[in-house]
Amino acid sequence: MAGHSKWKNIQRRKNAQDAKRGKVFMKLAKEIFVAAKQGGGDPETNPSLRLAIDKAKSSNMPNDNIDRAIKKATGDLDGVQYENVIYEGYGPGGAAIMVQLLTDNKNRAAADVRHAFSKNKGNMGENGCVSFLFNRKGLFILDRSENELDGEELMLQVIEAGAEEMETTEEAYEIYTDPQDFQDVKQHLEGNGLTFSSAEITMVPETYTPLVDNNGIDMVKLIDQLEDNDDVQEVYHNAEINDEVYEQM
């Protein structure tokens, strides 16, 4: 994990989400719906639902939308059955990509994802072709401008909270933890007055693939097309895209 910052990728994703807020809310509502459907509508006894609600609130999703999704899931709503599917493949320049979907039509979802890969110089692969390159981790991003702590003081809090690792960049602190410890670490850090720019359980690459020029541009286009799909919840990748690529676009 060392040597690479997720901060700019997360900033860019949030900026893109701001531009299509309605679509983001729909995806978050679907995630809340599935979590409540599977584990019940009480976030105190359903960790998956609690995580989905926290994620929705961090994206400024209105409470009415959250409550509506939970009520739909715990009521008698016939004919809705979402399936969690993951597709894997390689993007331009050989970057590894995992695409997580919640869909009511696997055939449609597979065709859409395959089309996005082929259109943007990538290749959709078999299950397991790139997943071994990622580790499931809890990740907290703290904007340094919003948290007035020096690195040493924060490191002591991170150790006390039970997190695994902390990385420091010019703009942010990135804290990694075991997924099972995610909520405990979150509550501990929040109890110390820290605020997160992002707090999620994600897939963290073991290594990164630097992309420049056309490979970087095509990779950004592929990610955008995948994230624009209503069924796609998350796109994980190990591409390291420099600022010049975004400037060219």
C-alpha atoms as a PDB file:
ATOM      1  CA  MET A   1       0.000   0.000   0.000  1.00  0.00           C
ATOM      2  CA  ALA A   2       2.872   2.341   0.697  1.00  0.00           C
ATOM      3  CA  GLY A   3       3.996   4.861  -1.871  1.00  0.00           C
ATOM      4  CA  HIS A   4       0.616   5.651  -3.385  1.00  0.00           C
ATOM      5  CA  SER A   5      -2.120   8.070  -2.375  1.00  0.00           C
ATOM      6  CA  LYS A   6      -5.822   7.448  -2.922  1.00  0.00           C
ATOM      7  CA  TRP A   7      -6.646  11.045  -1.988  1.00  0.00           C
ATOM      8  CA  LYS A   8      -6.770  12.513  -5.497  1.00  0.00           C
ATOM      9  CA  ASN A   9      -8.746   9.566  -6.848  1.00  0.00           C
ATOM     10  CA  ILE A  10     -11.302  10.032  -4.085  1.00  0.00           C
ATOM     11  CA  GLN A  11     -11.439  13.801  -4.661  1.00  0.00           C
ATOM     12  CA  ARG A  12     -12.063  13.278  -8.348  1.00  0.00           C
ATOM     13  CA  ARG A  13     -14.746  10.668  -7.668  1.00  0.00           C
ATOM     14  CA  LYS A  14     -16.552  12.990  -5.277  1.00  0.00           C
ATOM     15  CA  ASN A  15     -16.409  15.834  -7.801  1.00  0.00           C
ATOM     16  CA  ALA A  16     -17.886  13.547 -10.430  1.00  0.00           C
ATOM     17  CA  GLN A  17     -20.593  12.447  -7.993  1.00  0.00           C
ATOM     18  CA  ASP A  18     -21.514  16.062  -7.318  1.00  0.00           C
ATOM     19  CA  ALA A  19     -22.167  16.481 -11.038  1.00  0.00           C
ATOM     20  CA  LYS A  20     -24.621  13.534 -11.112  1.00  0.00           C
ATOM     21  CA  ARG A  21     -26.070  13.584  -7.617  1.00  0.00           C
ATOM     22  CA  GLY A  22     -29.389  11.931  -8.533  1.00  0.00           C
ATOM     23  CA  LYS A  23     -27.684   8.853  -9.969  1.00  0.00           C
ATOM     24  CA  VAL A  24     -25.452   8.566  -6.905  1.00  0.00           C
ATOM     25  CA  PHE A  25     -28.448   8.708  -4.563  1.00  0.00           C
ATOM     26  CA  MET A  26     -30.152   5.970  -6.556  1.00  0.00           C
ATOM     27  CA  LYS A  27     -27.112   3.693  -6.181  1.00  0.00           C
ATOM     28  CA  LEU A  28     -26.835   4.432  -2.483  1.00  0.00           C
ATOM     29  CA  ALA A  29     -30.548   3.722  -2.000  1.00  0.00           C
ATOM     30  CA  LYS A  30     -30.099   0.375  -3.750  1.00  0.00           C
ATOM     31  CA  GLU A  31     -27.207  -0.494  -1.430  1.00  0.00           C
ATOM     32  CA  ILE A  32     -29.269   0.442   1.638  1.00  0.00           C
ATOM     33  CA  PHE A  33     -32.220  -1.535   0.284  1.00  0.00           C
ATOM     34  CA  VAL A  34     -30.149  -4.712  -0.170  1.00  0.00           C
ATOM     35  CA  ALA A  35     -28.482  -4.397   3.247  1.00  0.00           C
ATOM     36  CA  ALA A  36     -31.853  -3.915   4.989  1.00  0.00           C
ATOM     37  CA  LYS A  37     -33.450  -6.705   2.974  1.00  0.00           C
ATOM     38  CA  GLN A  38     -30.744  -9.168   3.982  1.00  0.00           C
ATOM     39  CA  GLY A  39     -30.125  -8.172   7.594  1.00  0.00           C
ATOM     40  CA  GLY A  40     -33.140  -6.188   8.777  1.00  0.00           C
ATOM     41  CA  GLY A  41     -33.902  -2.501   9.075  1.00  0.00           C
ATOM     42  CA  ASP A  42     -32.135  -1.746  12.369  1.00  0.00           C
ATOM     43  CA  PRO A  43     -28.617  -0.395  11.789  1.00  0.00           C
ATOM     44  CA  GLU A  44     -27.708  -1.159  15.409  1.00  0.00           C
ATOM     45  CA  THR A  45     -27.974  -4.893  14.722  1.00  0.00           C
ATOM     46  CA  ASN A  46     -27.108  -4.811  11.013  1.00  0.00           C
ATOM     47  CA  PRO A  47     -23.492  -3.659  10.420  1.00  0.00           C
ATOM     48  CA  SER A  48     -23.905  -3.733   6.628  1.00  0.00           C
ATOM     49  CA  LEU A  49     -26.862  -1.385   6.848  1.00  0.00           C
ATOM     50  CA  ARG A  50     -25.024   0.902   9.271  1.00  0.00           C
ATOM     51  CA  LEU A  51     -22.104   1.123   6.840  1.00  0.00           C
ATOM     52  CA  ALA A  52     -24.431   1.818   3.894  1.00  0.00           C
ATOM     53  CA  ILE A  53     -26.212   4.580   5.841  1.00  0.00           C
ATOM     54  CA  ASP A  54     -22.906   6.187   6.857  1.00  0.00           C
ATOM     55  CA  LYS A  55     -21.786   6.089   3.239  1.00  0.00           C
ATOM     56  CA  ALA A  56     -25.044   7.712   2.122  1.00  0.00           C
ATOM     57  CA  LYS A  57     -24.807  10.454   4.746  1.00  0.00           C
ATOM     58  CA  SER A  58     -21.211  11.223   3.757  1.00  0.00           C
ATOM     59  CA  SER A  59     -22.561  11.877   0.250  1.00  0.00           C
ATOM     60  CA  ASN A  60     -25.226  14.217   1.732  1.00  0.00           C
ATOM     61  CA  MET A  61     -28.102  11.919   0.857  1.00  0.00           C
ATOM     62  CA  PRO A  62     -31.305  13.243   2.520  1.00  0.00           C
ATOM     63  CA  ASN A  63     -32.602  11.283   5.517  1.00  0.00           C
ATOM     64  CA  ASP A  64     -35.988  10.892   3.808  1.00  0.00           C
ATOM     65  CA  ASN A  65     -34.323   8.984   0.962  1.00  0.00           C
ATOM     66  CA  ILE A  66     -32.522   6.740   3.444  1.00  0.00           C
ATOM     67  CA  ASP A  67     -35.689   6.023   5.442  1.00  0.00           C
ATOM     68  CA  ARG A  68     -37.661   5.332   2.254  1.00  0.00           C
ATOM     69  CA  ALA A  69     -35.109   2.753   1.070  1.00  0.00           C
ATOM     70  CA  ILE A  70     -35.204   0.966   4.439  1.00  0.00           C
ATOM     71  CA  LYS A  71     -39.009   0.938   4.549  1.00  0.00           C
ATOM     72  CA  LYS A  72     -39.191  -0.479   1.030  1.00  0.00           C
ATOM     73  CA  ALA A  73     -36.781  -3.260   1.970  1.00  0.00           C
ATOM     74  CA  THR A  74     -38.593  -4.227   5.162  1.00  0.00           C
ATOM     75  CA  GLY A  75     -42.091  -3.959   3.664  1.00  0.00           C
ATOM     76  CA  ASP A  76     -43.932  -6.156   1.207  1.00  0.00           C
ATOM     77  CA  LEU A  77     -42.345  -5.090  -2.039  1.00  0.00           C
ATOM     78  CA  ASP A  78     -42.736  -7.858  -4.607  1.00  0.00           C
ATOM     79  CA  GLY A  79     -40.706  -8.431  -7.716  1.00  0.00           C
ATOM     80  CA  VAL A  80     -37.428  -6.793  -6.611  1.00  0.00           C
ATOM     81  CA  GLN A  81     -34.415  -9.082  -6.307  1.00  0.00           C
ATOM     82  CA  TYR A  82     -30.940  -7.602  -6.584  1.00  0.00           C
ATOM     83  CA  GLU A  83     -27.880  -9.797  -6.940  1.00  0.00           C
ATOM     84  CA  ASN A  84     -24.353  -8.831  -5.929  1.00  0.00           C
ATOM     85  CA  VAL A  85     -22.004  -9.523  -8.847  1.00  0.00           C
ATOM     86  CA  ILE A  86     -18.301  -8.810  -9.386  1.00  0.00           C
ATOM     87  CA  TYR A  87     -16.632  -8.730 -12.787  1.00  0.00           C
ATOM     88  CA  GLU A  88     -12.890  -8.497 -13.332  1.00  0.00           C
ATOM     89  CA  GLY A  89     -10.619  -7.508 -16.165  1.00  0.00           C
ATOM     90  CA  TYR A  90      -7.747  -5.430 -17.463  1.00  0.00           C
ATOM     91  CA  GLY A  91      -7.886  -1.831 -18.586  1.00  0.00           C
ATOM     92  CA  PRO A  92      -5.595   0.114 -20.904  1.00  0.00           C
ATOM     93  CA  GLY A  93      -1.928  -0.395 -20.120  1.00  0.00           C
ATOM     94  CA  GLY A  94      -2.681  -3.594 -18.197  1.00  0.00           C
ATOM     95  CA  ALA A  95      -4.291  -1.946 -15.148  1.00  0.00           C
ATOM     96  CA  ALA A  96      -6.336  -4.344 -13.018  1.00  0.00           C
ATOM     97  CA  ILE A  97     -10.050  -3.569 -12.553  1.00  0.00           C
ATOM     98  CA  MET A  98     -12.793  -5.025 -10.360  1.00  0.00           C
ATOM     99  CA  VAL A  99     -16.401  -3.916 -10.911  1.00  0.00           C
ATOM    100  CA  GLN A 100     -18.993  -4.490  -8.182  1.00  0.00           C
ATOM    101  CA  LEU A 101     -22.649  -4.420  -9.212  1.00  0.00           C
ATOM    102  CA  LEU A 102     -26.098  -4.782  -7.693  1.00  0.00           C
ATOM    103  CA  THR A 103     -28.350  -5.888 -10.520  1.00  0.00           C
ATOM    104  CA  ASP A 104     -31.693  -7.526 -11.203  1.00  0.00           C
ATOM    105  CA  ASN A 105     -30.454  -8.801 -14.574  1.00  0.00           C
ATOM    106  CA  LYS A 106     -27.045 -10.493 -14.697  1.00  0.00           C
ATOM    107  CA  ASN A 107     -27.118 -10.965 -18.467  1.00  0.00           C
ATOM    108  CA  ARG A 108     -27.678  -7.268 -19.074  1.00  0.00           C
ATOM    109  CA  ALA A 109     -25.070  -6.304 -16.506  1.00  0.00           C
ATOM    110  CA  ALA A 110     -22.427  -8.613 -17.999  1.00  0.00           C
ATOM    111  CA  ALA A 111     -23.094  -7.301 -21.507  1.00  0.00           C
ATOM    112  CA  ASP A 112     -22.859  -3.676 -20.360  1.00  0.00           C
ATOM    113  CA  VAL A 113     -19.596  -4.212 -18.493  1.00  0.00           C
ATOM    114  CA  ARG A 114     -18.083  -6.178 -21.385  1.00  0.00           C
ATOM    115  CA  HIS A 115     -19.034  -3.381 -23.791  1.00  0.00           C
ATOM    116  CA  ALA A 116     -17.411  -0.749 -21.577  1.00  0.00           C
ATOM    117  CA  PHE A 117     -14.174  -2.733 -21.442  1.00  0.00           C
ATOM    118  CA  SER A 118     -14.006  -3.365 -25.179  1.00  0.00           C
ATOM    119  CA  LYS A 119     -14.940   0.203 -26.113  1.00  0.00           C
ATOM    120  CA  ASN A 120     -12.129   1.657 -24.001  1.00  0.00           C
ATOM    121  CA  LYS A 121      -9.257  -0.681 -24.933  1.00  0.00           C
ATOM    122  CA  GLY A 122      -9.702  -3.053 -22.020  1.00  0.00           C
ATOM    123  CA  ASN A 123     -10.494  -6.749 -21.687  1.00  0.00           C
ATOM    124  CA  MET A 124     -13.026  -8.355 -19.380  1.00  0.00           C
ATOM    125  CA  GLY A 125     -11.557 -11.508 -17.844  1.00  0.00           C
ATOM    126  CA  GLU A 126     -12.568 -14.553 -15.842  1.00  0.00           C
ATOM    127  CA  ASN A 127     -13.460 -14.432 -12.154  1.00  0.00           C
ATOM    128  CA  GLY A 128     -10.268 -14.367 -10.118  1.00  0.00           C
ATOM    129  CA  CYS A 129      -8.033 -12.989 -12.848  1.00  0.00           C
ATOM    130  CA  VAL A 130      -7.185  -9.822 -10.864  1.00  0.00           C
ATOM    131  CA  SER A 131      -8.889 -10.147  -7.459  1.00  0.00           C
ATOM    132  CA  PHE A 132      -5.705 -11.643  -5.959  1.00  0.00           C
ATOM    133  CA  LEU A 133      -4.053  -8.251  -6.546  1.00  0.00           C
ATOM    134  CA  PHE A 134      -6.415  -6.535  -4.063  1.00  0.00           C
ATOM    135  CA  ASN A 135      -6.962  -6.683  -0.302  1.00  0.00           C
ATOM    136  CA  ARG A 136     -10.236  -5.800   1.395  1.00  0.00           C
ATOM    137  CA  LYS A 137      -9.544  -2.996   3.861  1.00  0.00           C
ATOM    138  CA  GLY A 138     -11.273  -0.287   5.833  1.00  0.00           C
ATOM    139  CA  LEU A 139     -10.028   3.110   4.689  1.00  0.00           C
ATOM    140  CA  PHE A 140     -10.407   6.509   6.338  1.00  0.00           C
ATOM    141  CA  ILE A 141      -9.337   9.706   4.567  1.00  0.00           C
ATOM    142  CA  LEU A 142      -8.754  12.767   6.759  1.00  0.00           C
ATOM    143  CA  ASP A 143      -8.262  16.114   5.053  1.00  0.00           C
ATOM    144  CA  ARG A 144      -5.319  17.740   6.822  1.00  0.00           C
ATOM    145  CA  SER A 145      -6.893  21.188   6.451  1.00  0.00           C
ATOM    146  CA  GLU A 146      -9.959  20.018   8.415  1.00  0.00           C
ATOM    147  CA  ASN A 147      -8.117  18.125  11.174  1.00  0.00           C
ATOM    148  CA  GLU A 148      -5.659  20.194  13.169  1.00  0.00           C
ATOM    149  CA  LEU A 149      -3.400  17.394  14.353  1.00  0.00           C
ATOM    150  CA  ASP A 150       0.244  16.748  13.713  1.00  0.00           C
ATOM    151  CA  GLY A 151       1.209  13.376  12.348  1.00  0.00           C
ATOM    152  CA  GLU A 152       2.723  12.031  15.575  1.00  0.00           C
ATOM    153  CA  GLU A 153      -0.339  12.868  17.660  1.00  0.00           C
ATOM    154  CA  LEU A 154      -2.646  11.297  15.086  1.00  0.00           C
ATOM    155  CA  MET A 155      -0.468   8.198  14.860  1.00  0.00           C
ATOM    156  CA  LEU A 156      -0.885   7.637  18.596  1.00  0.00           C
ATOM    157  CA  GLN A 157      -4.666   7.873  18.199  1.00  0.00           C
ATOM    158  CA  VAL A 158      -4.582   5.501  15.228  1.00  0.00           C
ATOM    159  CA  ILE A 159      -2.585   2.929  17.210  1.00  0.00           C
ATOM    160  CA  GLU A 160      -4.913   3.283  20.193  1.00  0.00           C
ATOM    161  CA  ALA A 161      -7.937   2.845  17.914  1.00  0.00           C
ATOM    162  CA  GLY A 162      -6.567  -0.460  16.609  1.00  0.00           C
ATOM    163  CA  ALA A 163      -5.911   0.529  12.982  1.00  0.00           C
ATOM    164  CA  GLU A 164      -3.236  -1.247  10.943  1.00  0.00           C
ATOM    165  CA  GLU A 165      -1.431   1.525   9.082  1.00  0.00           C
ATOM    166  CA  MET A 166      -1.372   5.260   8.400  1.00  0.00           C
ATOM    167  CA  GLU A 167       0.070   7.066   5.389  1.00  0.00           C
ATOM    168  CA  THR A 168       0.653  10.802   5.189  1.00  0.00           C
ATOM    169  CA  THR A 169       0.498  12.944   2.051  1.00  0.00           C
ATOM    170  CA  GLU A 170       0.602  16.702   1.603  1.00  0.00           C
ATOM    171  CA  GLU A 171      -3.188  16.915   1.562  1.00  0.00           C
ATOM    172  CA  ALA A 172      -4.443  14.041   3.694  1.00  0.00           C
ATOM    173  CA  TYR A 173      -3.948  11.270   6.207  1.00  0.00           C
ATOM    174  CA  GLU A 174      -4.944   7.791   4.990  1.00  0.00           C
ATOM    175  CA  ILE A 175      -5.725   5.223   7.683  1.00  0.00           C
ATOM    176  CA  TYR A 176      -6.122   1.524   6.889  1.00  0.00           C
ATOM    177  CA  THR A 177      -7.759  -1.091   9.080  1.00  0.00           C
ATOM    178  CA  ASP A 178      -9.072  -4.638   9.052  1.00  0.00           C
ATOM    179  CA  PRO A 179     -12.707  -4.615   7.828  1.00  0.00           C
ATOM    180  CA  GLN A 180     -13.848  -6.295  11.039  1.00  0.00           C
ATOM    181  CA  ASP A 181     -12.376  -3.429  13.060  1.00  0.00           C
ATOM    182  CA  PHE A 182     -13.817  -0.698  10.819  1.00  0.00           C
ATOM    183  CA  GLN A 183     -16.702   0.434  13.039  1.00  0.00           C
ATOM    184  CA  ASP A 184     -14.650   0.325  16.257  1.00  0.00           C
ATOM    185  CA  VAL A 185     -11.856   2.397  14.712  1.00  0.00           C
ATOM    186  CA  LYS A 186     -14.387   4.819  13.230  1.00  0.00           C
ATOM    187  CA  GLN A 187     -16.155   5.355  16.543  1.00  0.00           C
ATOM    188  CA  HIS A 188     -12.847   5.819  18.366  1.00  0.00           C
ATOM    189  CA  LEU A 189     -11.525   8.429  15.944  1.00  0.00           C
ATOM    190  CA  GLU A 190     -14.857  10.258  15.744  1.00  0.00           C
ATOM    191  CA  GLY A 191     -14.939  10.289  19.531  1.00  0.00           C
ATOM    192  CA  ASN A 192     -11.657  12.199  19.412  1.00  0.00           C
ATOM    193  CA  GLY A 193     -13.246  14.864  17.226  1.00  0.00           C
ATOM    194  CA  LEU A 194     -11.835  13.773  13.865  1.00  0.00           C
ATOM    195  CA  THR A 195     -13.859  14.210  10.669  1.00  0.00           C
ATOM    196  CA  PHE A 196     -13.484  12.053   7.570  1.00  0.00           C
ATOM    197  CA  SER A 197     -13.549  13.096   3.943  1.00  0.00           C
ATOM    198  CA  SER A 198     -14.170   9.436   3.173  1.00  0.00           C
ATOM    199  CA  ALA A 199     -14.779   6.354   5.323  1.00  0.00           C
ATOM    200  CA  GLU A 200     -15.428   3.068   3.561  1.00  0.00           C
ATOM    201  CA  ILE A 201     -14.567  -0.582   3.232  1.00  0.00           C
ATOM    202  CA  THR A 202     -12.832  -0.893  -0.090  1.00  0.00           C
ATOM    203  CA  MET A 203     -10.457  -2.997  -2.166  1.00  0.00           C
ATOM    204  CA  VAL A 204      -6.867  -1.758  -1.885  1.00  0.00           C
ATOM    205  CA  PRO A 205      -4.343  -2.816  -4.556  1.00  0.00           C
ATOM    206  CA  GLU A 206      -1.092  -4.456  -3.499  1.00  0.00           C
ATOM    207  CA  THR A 207       0.746  -2.773  -6.379  1.00  0.00           C
ATOM    208  CA  TYR A 208      -0.062   0.008  -8.836  1.00  0.00           C
ATOM    209  CA  THR A 209       0.236   0.356 -12.611  1.00  0.00           C
ATOM    210  CA  PRO A 210       1.380   3.826 -13.761  1.00  0.00           C
ATOM    211  CA  LEU A 211      -0.554   5.090 -16.787  1.00  0.00           C
ATOM    212  CA  VAL A 212       0.372   8.079 -18.921  1.00  0.00           C
ATOM    213  CA  ASP A 213      -0.859   9.770 -22.092  1.00  0.00           C
ATOM    214  CA  ASN A 214      -3.456   7.789 -24.069  1.00  0.00           C
ATOM    215  CA  ASN A 215      -3.516   4.831 -21.682  1.00  0.00           C
ATOM    216  CA  GLY A 216      -4.385   7.160 -18.823  1.00  0.00           C
ATOM    217  CA  ILE A 217      -7.048   8.955 -20.850  1.00  0.00           C
ATOM    218  CA  ASP A 218      -8.638   5.682 -21.982  1.00  0.00           C
ATOM    219  CA  MET A 219      -8.591   4.384 -18.409  1.00  0.00           C
ATOM    220  CA  VAL A 220     -10.428   7.459 -17.121  1.00  0.00           C
ATOM    221  CA  LYS A 221     -13.020   7.049 -19.896  1.00  0.00           C
ATOM    222  CA  LEU A 222     -13.472   3.375 -18.980  1.00  0.00           C
ATOM    223  CA  ILE A 223     -13.954   4.183 -15.294  1.00  0.00           C
ATOM    224  CA  ASP A 224     -16.435   6.950 -16.144  1.00  0.00           C
ATOM    225  CA  GLN A 225     -18.483   4.664 -18.408  1.00  0.00           C
ATOM    226  CA  LEU A 226     -18.595   1.934 -15.792  1.00  0.00           C
ATOM    227  CA  GLU A 227     -19.552   4.313 -12.964  1.00  0.00           C
ATOM    228  CA  ASP A 228     -22.279   5.808 -15.144  1.00  0.00           C
ATOM    229  CA  ASN A 229     -23.992   2.397 -15.292  1.00  0.00           C
ATOM    230  CA  ASP A 230     -26.961   2.241 -12.906  1.00  0.00           C
ATOM    231  CA  ASP A 231     -26.049  -1.299 -11.810  1.00  0.00           C
ATOM    232  CA  VAL A 232     -22.427  -0.491 -10.944  1.00  0.00           C
ATOM    233  CA  GLN A 233     -21.855   0.308  -7.281  1.00  0.00           C
ATOM    234  CA  GLU A 234     -18.038   0.457  -7.142  1.00  0.00           C
ATOM    235  CA  VAL A 235     -15.090   0.369  -9.526  1.00  0.00           C
ATOM    236  CA  TYR A 236     -11.790  -0.715  -7.963  1.00  0.00           C
ATOM    237  CA  HIS A 237      -8.548  -0.432  -9.924  1.00  0.00           C
ATOM    238  CA  ASN A 238      -4.783  -0.239  -9.489  1.00  0.00           C
ATOM    239  CA  ALA A 239      -4.140   2.476 -12.073  1.00  0.00           C
ATOM    240  CA  GLU A 240      -1.891   5.337 -11.026  1.00  0.00           C
ATOM    241  CA  ILE A 241      -2.982   8.252 -13.206  1.00  0.00           C
ATOM    242  CA  ASN A 242      -0.952  11.455 -13.077  1.00  0.00           C
ATOM    243  CA  ASP A 243      -2.330  14.985 -13.064  1.00  0.00           C
ATOM    244  CA  GLU A 244      -1.227  15.616 -16.653  1.00  0.00           C
ATOM    245  CA  VAL A 245      -3.770  13.081 -17.894  1.00  0.00           C
ATOM    246  CA  TYR A 246      -6.642  14.930 -16.241  1.00  0.00           C
ATOM    247  CA  GLU A 247      -5.312  18.225 -17.565  1.00  0.00           C
ATOM    248  CA  GLN A 248      -5.305  16.818 -21.102  1.00  0.00           C
ATOM    249  CA  MET A 249      -8.946  15.835 -20.675  1.00  0.00           C
END
